Amino acid sequence: MTYHSKEKPAVYVPRKGCRFCIDKDLKIDYKDVKGLQKFISGYGRIESRKRTGNCIKHQRKIALAVKRARIIALLPFVNR
């Protein structure tokens, strides 16, 4: 005997555009701690592209900037 579950239909959610591709004046810099904290979770992890809406090119630059800021102690490795 098979039971069919009542699945909800798929809902279309429009993707957020990359804020760095939209606004060319925004720069990614490891010294901009306030700007980088937007891309870090409450636990100190780098947020994924899916959550931030960044393109792959800018997500890589953000990850590199966060890692550099951690090494020179501008950002913590772990938030507690």
Protein backbone atom coordinates (compact mmCIF):
# COMPACT_ATOMS: atom_id res chain seq x y z
CA MET A 1 0.00 0.00 0.00
CA THR A 2 1.44 3.36 -0.96
CA TYR A 3 0.48 6.67 0.52
CA HIS A 4 0.92 9.89 -1.38
CA SER A 5 1.93 12.87 0.65
CA LYS A 6 0.28 16.19 -0.09
CA GLU A 7 3.19 18.23 -1.38
CA LYS A 8 2.94 21.96 -1.72
CA PRO A 9 3.54 23.38 -5.18
CA ALA A 10 6.94 24.96 -5.80
CA VAL A 11 7.04 28.67 -5.07
CA TYR A 12 9.14 30.95 -7.26
CA VAL A 13 11.42 33.24 -5.23
CA PRO A 14 13.29 35.85 -7.28
CA ARG A 15 17.06 35.86 -6.72
CA LYS A 16 18.67 38.83 -5.11
CA GLY A 17 21.19 40.53 -7.32
CA CYS A 18 24.79 40.89 -6.29
CA ARG A 19 25.07 44.27 -4.57
CA PHE A 20 28.62 44.69 -5.86
CA CYS A 21 27.60 44.05 -9.47
CA ILE A 22 24.66 46.45 -9.19
CA ASP A 23 26.60 49.28 -7.50
CA LYS A 24 30.06 49.52 -9.05
CA ASP A 25 31.17 52.08 -6.42
CA LEU A 26 31.14 49.51 -3.58
CA LYS A 27 34.56 48.07 -2.83
CA ILE A 28 35.54 44.99 -0.86
CA ASP A 29 38.35 45.81 1.57
CA TYR A 30 39.68 43.82 4.51
CA LYS A 31 40.04 47.05 6.55
CA ASP A 32 36.29 47.76 6.30
CA VAL A 33 35.21 45.76 9.35
CA LYS A 34 31.66 47.13 9.46
CA GLY A 35 31.11 46.17 5.84
CA LEU A 36 32.52 42.66 6.29
CA GLN A 37 30.40 41.94 9.38
CA LYS A 38 27.32 41.89 7.13
CA PHE A 39 28.69 38.72 5.55
CA ILE A 40 29.48 36.91 8.82
CA SER A 41 26.96 34.88 10.82
CA GLY A 42 26.40 35.20 14.55
CA TYR A 43 28.80 32.32 15.10
CA GLY A 44 31.57 33.98 13.10
CA ARG A 45 31.21 31.90 9.95
CA ILE A 46 31.24 33.39 6.45
CA GLU A 47 27.70 33.44 5.06
CA SER A 48 27.02 31.49 1.87
CA ARG A 49 26.28 32.97 -1.53
CA LYS A 50 22.75 31.69 -1.25
CA ARG A 51 22.10 33.77 1.85
CA THR A 52 23.94 36.94 0.83
CA GLY A 53 22.95 36.93 -2.85
CA ASN A 54 26.48 37.64 -4.08
CA CYS A 55 27.88 36.37 -7.35
CA ILE A 56 30.76 33.89 -7.25
CA LYS A 57 33.39 36.48 -8.15
CA HIS A 58 32.48 38.83 -5.31
CA GLN A 59 31.86 36.02 -2.82
CA ARG A 60 35.45 34.87 -3.32
CA LYS A 61 36.72 38.40 -2.75
CA ILE A 62 34.63 38.69 0.42
CA ALA A 63 35.96 35.37 1.74
CA LEU A 64 39.54 36.47 1.09
CA ALA A 65 38.93 39.84 2.78
CA VAL A 66 37.35 38.19 5.84
CA LYS A 67 40.27 35.78 6.14
CA ARG A 68 42.78 38.61 5.90
CA ALA A 69 40.89 40.63 8.52
CA ARG A 70 40.92 37.61 10.84
CA ILE A 71 44.66 37.10 10.47
CA ILE A 72 45.47 40.70 11.48
CA ALA A 73 42.89 40.53 14.32
CA LEU A 74 40.34 42.97 12.95
CA LEU A 75 37.66 40.25 13.02
CA PRO A 76 37.37 37.35 15.46
CA PHE A 77 37.66 33.76 14.26
CA VAL A 78 34.80 32.68 16.57
CA ASN A 79 32.07 34.74 18.24
CA ARG A 80 30.92 33.59 21.66
